[in-house]
Amino acid sequence: MLEELLPKLIPPEISYIYIGHQGKQDLAKSIPIKLKAFNKSSPNTKFIIVHDQDSHDCQKLKKELGEICQNASDAQVLIRIICHEL
C-alpha cells in the first residue's frame, strides 16, 4: 500500500526509499541497524516508521518503537501507528 501512496504524498524533488520487513520482530531488530547505518552515511536522513496496530495498545507500541530509536541513534524519526487498514 505504501508503494502506491508515497509517490502521491512526497514531492518528486525529495528522494526516499521504502523498506518492507518480515513482521514486527524483524522491524524491531532492524531499526537500530538501519538508523545507525543511514545516520553515519547520510546524517541529514529523516525516517518514518509505519507500524500496524493489530491488537496492540497504540500509545504503548509507539513508545516502545520510540525507545528503540532513541537507544540506537539521534536520527530524526517520525513514528505512525496504523489503526485501521484502508
Protein backbone atom coordinates (compact mmCIF):
# COMPACT_ATOMS: atom_id res chain seq x y z
CA MET A 1 0.00 0.00 0.00
CA LEU A 2 2.79 2.46 0.84
CA GLU A 3 4.47 1.88 -2.52
CA GLU A 4 1.38 3.39 -4.16
CA LEU A 5 0.70 6.09 -1.58
CA LEU A 6 4.17 7.60 -1.06
CA PRO A 7 4.64 8.97 -4.60
CA LYS A 8 1.36 10.85 -4.18
CA LEU A 9 2.37 12.36 -0.83
CA ILE A 10 6.06 13.10 -1.28
CA PRO A 11 7.18 15.76 -3.78
CA PRO A 12 9.35 14.45 -6.65
CA GLU A 13 12.38 16.50 -5.57
CA ILE A 14 12.58 14.55 -2.30
CA SER A 15 14.25 11.16 -2.60
CA TYR A 16 13.08 8.29 -0.45
CA ILE A 17 13.21 4.54 -0.19
CA TYR A 18 10.60 2.14 1.09
CA ILE A 19 11.92 -0.78 3.13
CA GLY A 20 9.48 -3.56 3.98
CA HIS A 21 10.04 -6.04 6.79
CA GLN A 22 9.04 -9.61 7.52
CA GLY A 23 6.94 -8.96 10.59
CA LYS A 24 7.17 -6.92 13.74
CA GLN A 25 10.20 -8.68 15.22
CA ASP A 26 12.15 -8.16 12.01
CA LEU A 27 11.30 -4.46 12.09
CA ALA A 28 12.26 -4.09 15.76
CA LYS A 29 15.62 -5.82 15.17
CA SER A 30 16.41 -3.83 12.04
CA ILE A 31 15.56 -0.35 13.35
CA PRO A 32 18.86 0.16 15.25
CA ILE A 33 20.92 -1.25 12.39
CA LYS A 34 19.27 0.94 9.75
CA LEU A 35 19.24 4.11 11.85
CA LYS A 36 22.94 3.80 12.64
CA ALA A 37 23.92 2.95 9.06
CA PHE A 38 21.91 5.70 7.39
CA ASN A 39 22.81 8.29 10.02
CA LYS A 40 26.51 7.51 9.53
CA SER A 41 26.45 7.69 5.72
CA SER A 42 23.78 10.42 5.37
CA PRO A 43 23.42 12.37 8.63
CA ASN A 44 20.56 14.52 7.30
CA THR A 45 18.37 11.49 6.61
CA LYS A 46 14.94 11.51 8.24
CA PHE A 47 12.94 8.37 8.96
CA ILE A 48 9.27 7.50 9.02
CA ILE A 49 8.34 4.24 10.69
CA VAL A 50 4.85 2.95 9.92
CA HIS A 51 3.57 0.06 12.01
CA ASP A 52 0.16 -1.60 12.06
CA GLN A 53 -1.70 -1.69 15.34
CA ASP A 54 -3.07 -5.24 15.28
CA SER A 55 -4.19 -5.85 18.87
CA HIS A 56 -1.53 -3.65 20.48
CA ASP A 57 -2.14 -0.56 22.57
CA CYS A 58 -1.26 2.27 20.14
CA GLN A 59 0.43 4.51 22.69
CA LYS A 60 2.45 1.69 24.23
CA LEU A 61 3.56 0.45 20.81
CA LYS A 62 4.60 3.95 19.71
CA LYS A 63 6.51 4.44 22.96
CA GLU A 64 8.34 1.11 22.53
CA LEU A 65 9.34 1.96 18.97
CA GLY A 66 10.45 5.42 20.09
CA GLU A 67 12.67 3.92 22.78
CA ILE A 68 14.28 1.57 20.25
CA CYS A 69 15.01 4.57 18.02
CA GLN A 70 16.37 6.75 20.84
CA ASN A 71 18.66 3.99 22.09
CA ALA A 72 20.02 3.41 18.59
CA SER A 73 20.64 6.90 17.25
CA ASP A 74 19.88 10.59 17.44
CA ALA A 75 18.34 10.46 13.95
CA GLN A 76 15.08 12.28 13.30
CA VAL A 77 12.30 9.67 13.36
CA LEU A 78 8.56 10.04 12.89
CA ILE A 79 6.53 7.05 14.10
CA ARG A 80 2.99 6.42 12.92
CA ILE A 81 0.73 3.58 14.02
CA ILE A 82 -1.90 2.49 11.51
CA CYS A 83 -5.09 1.79 13.45
CA HIS A 84 -7.36 0.84 10.55
CA GLU A 85 -6.41 -0.55 7.18
CA LEU A 86 -7.92 1.26 4.21
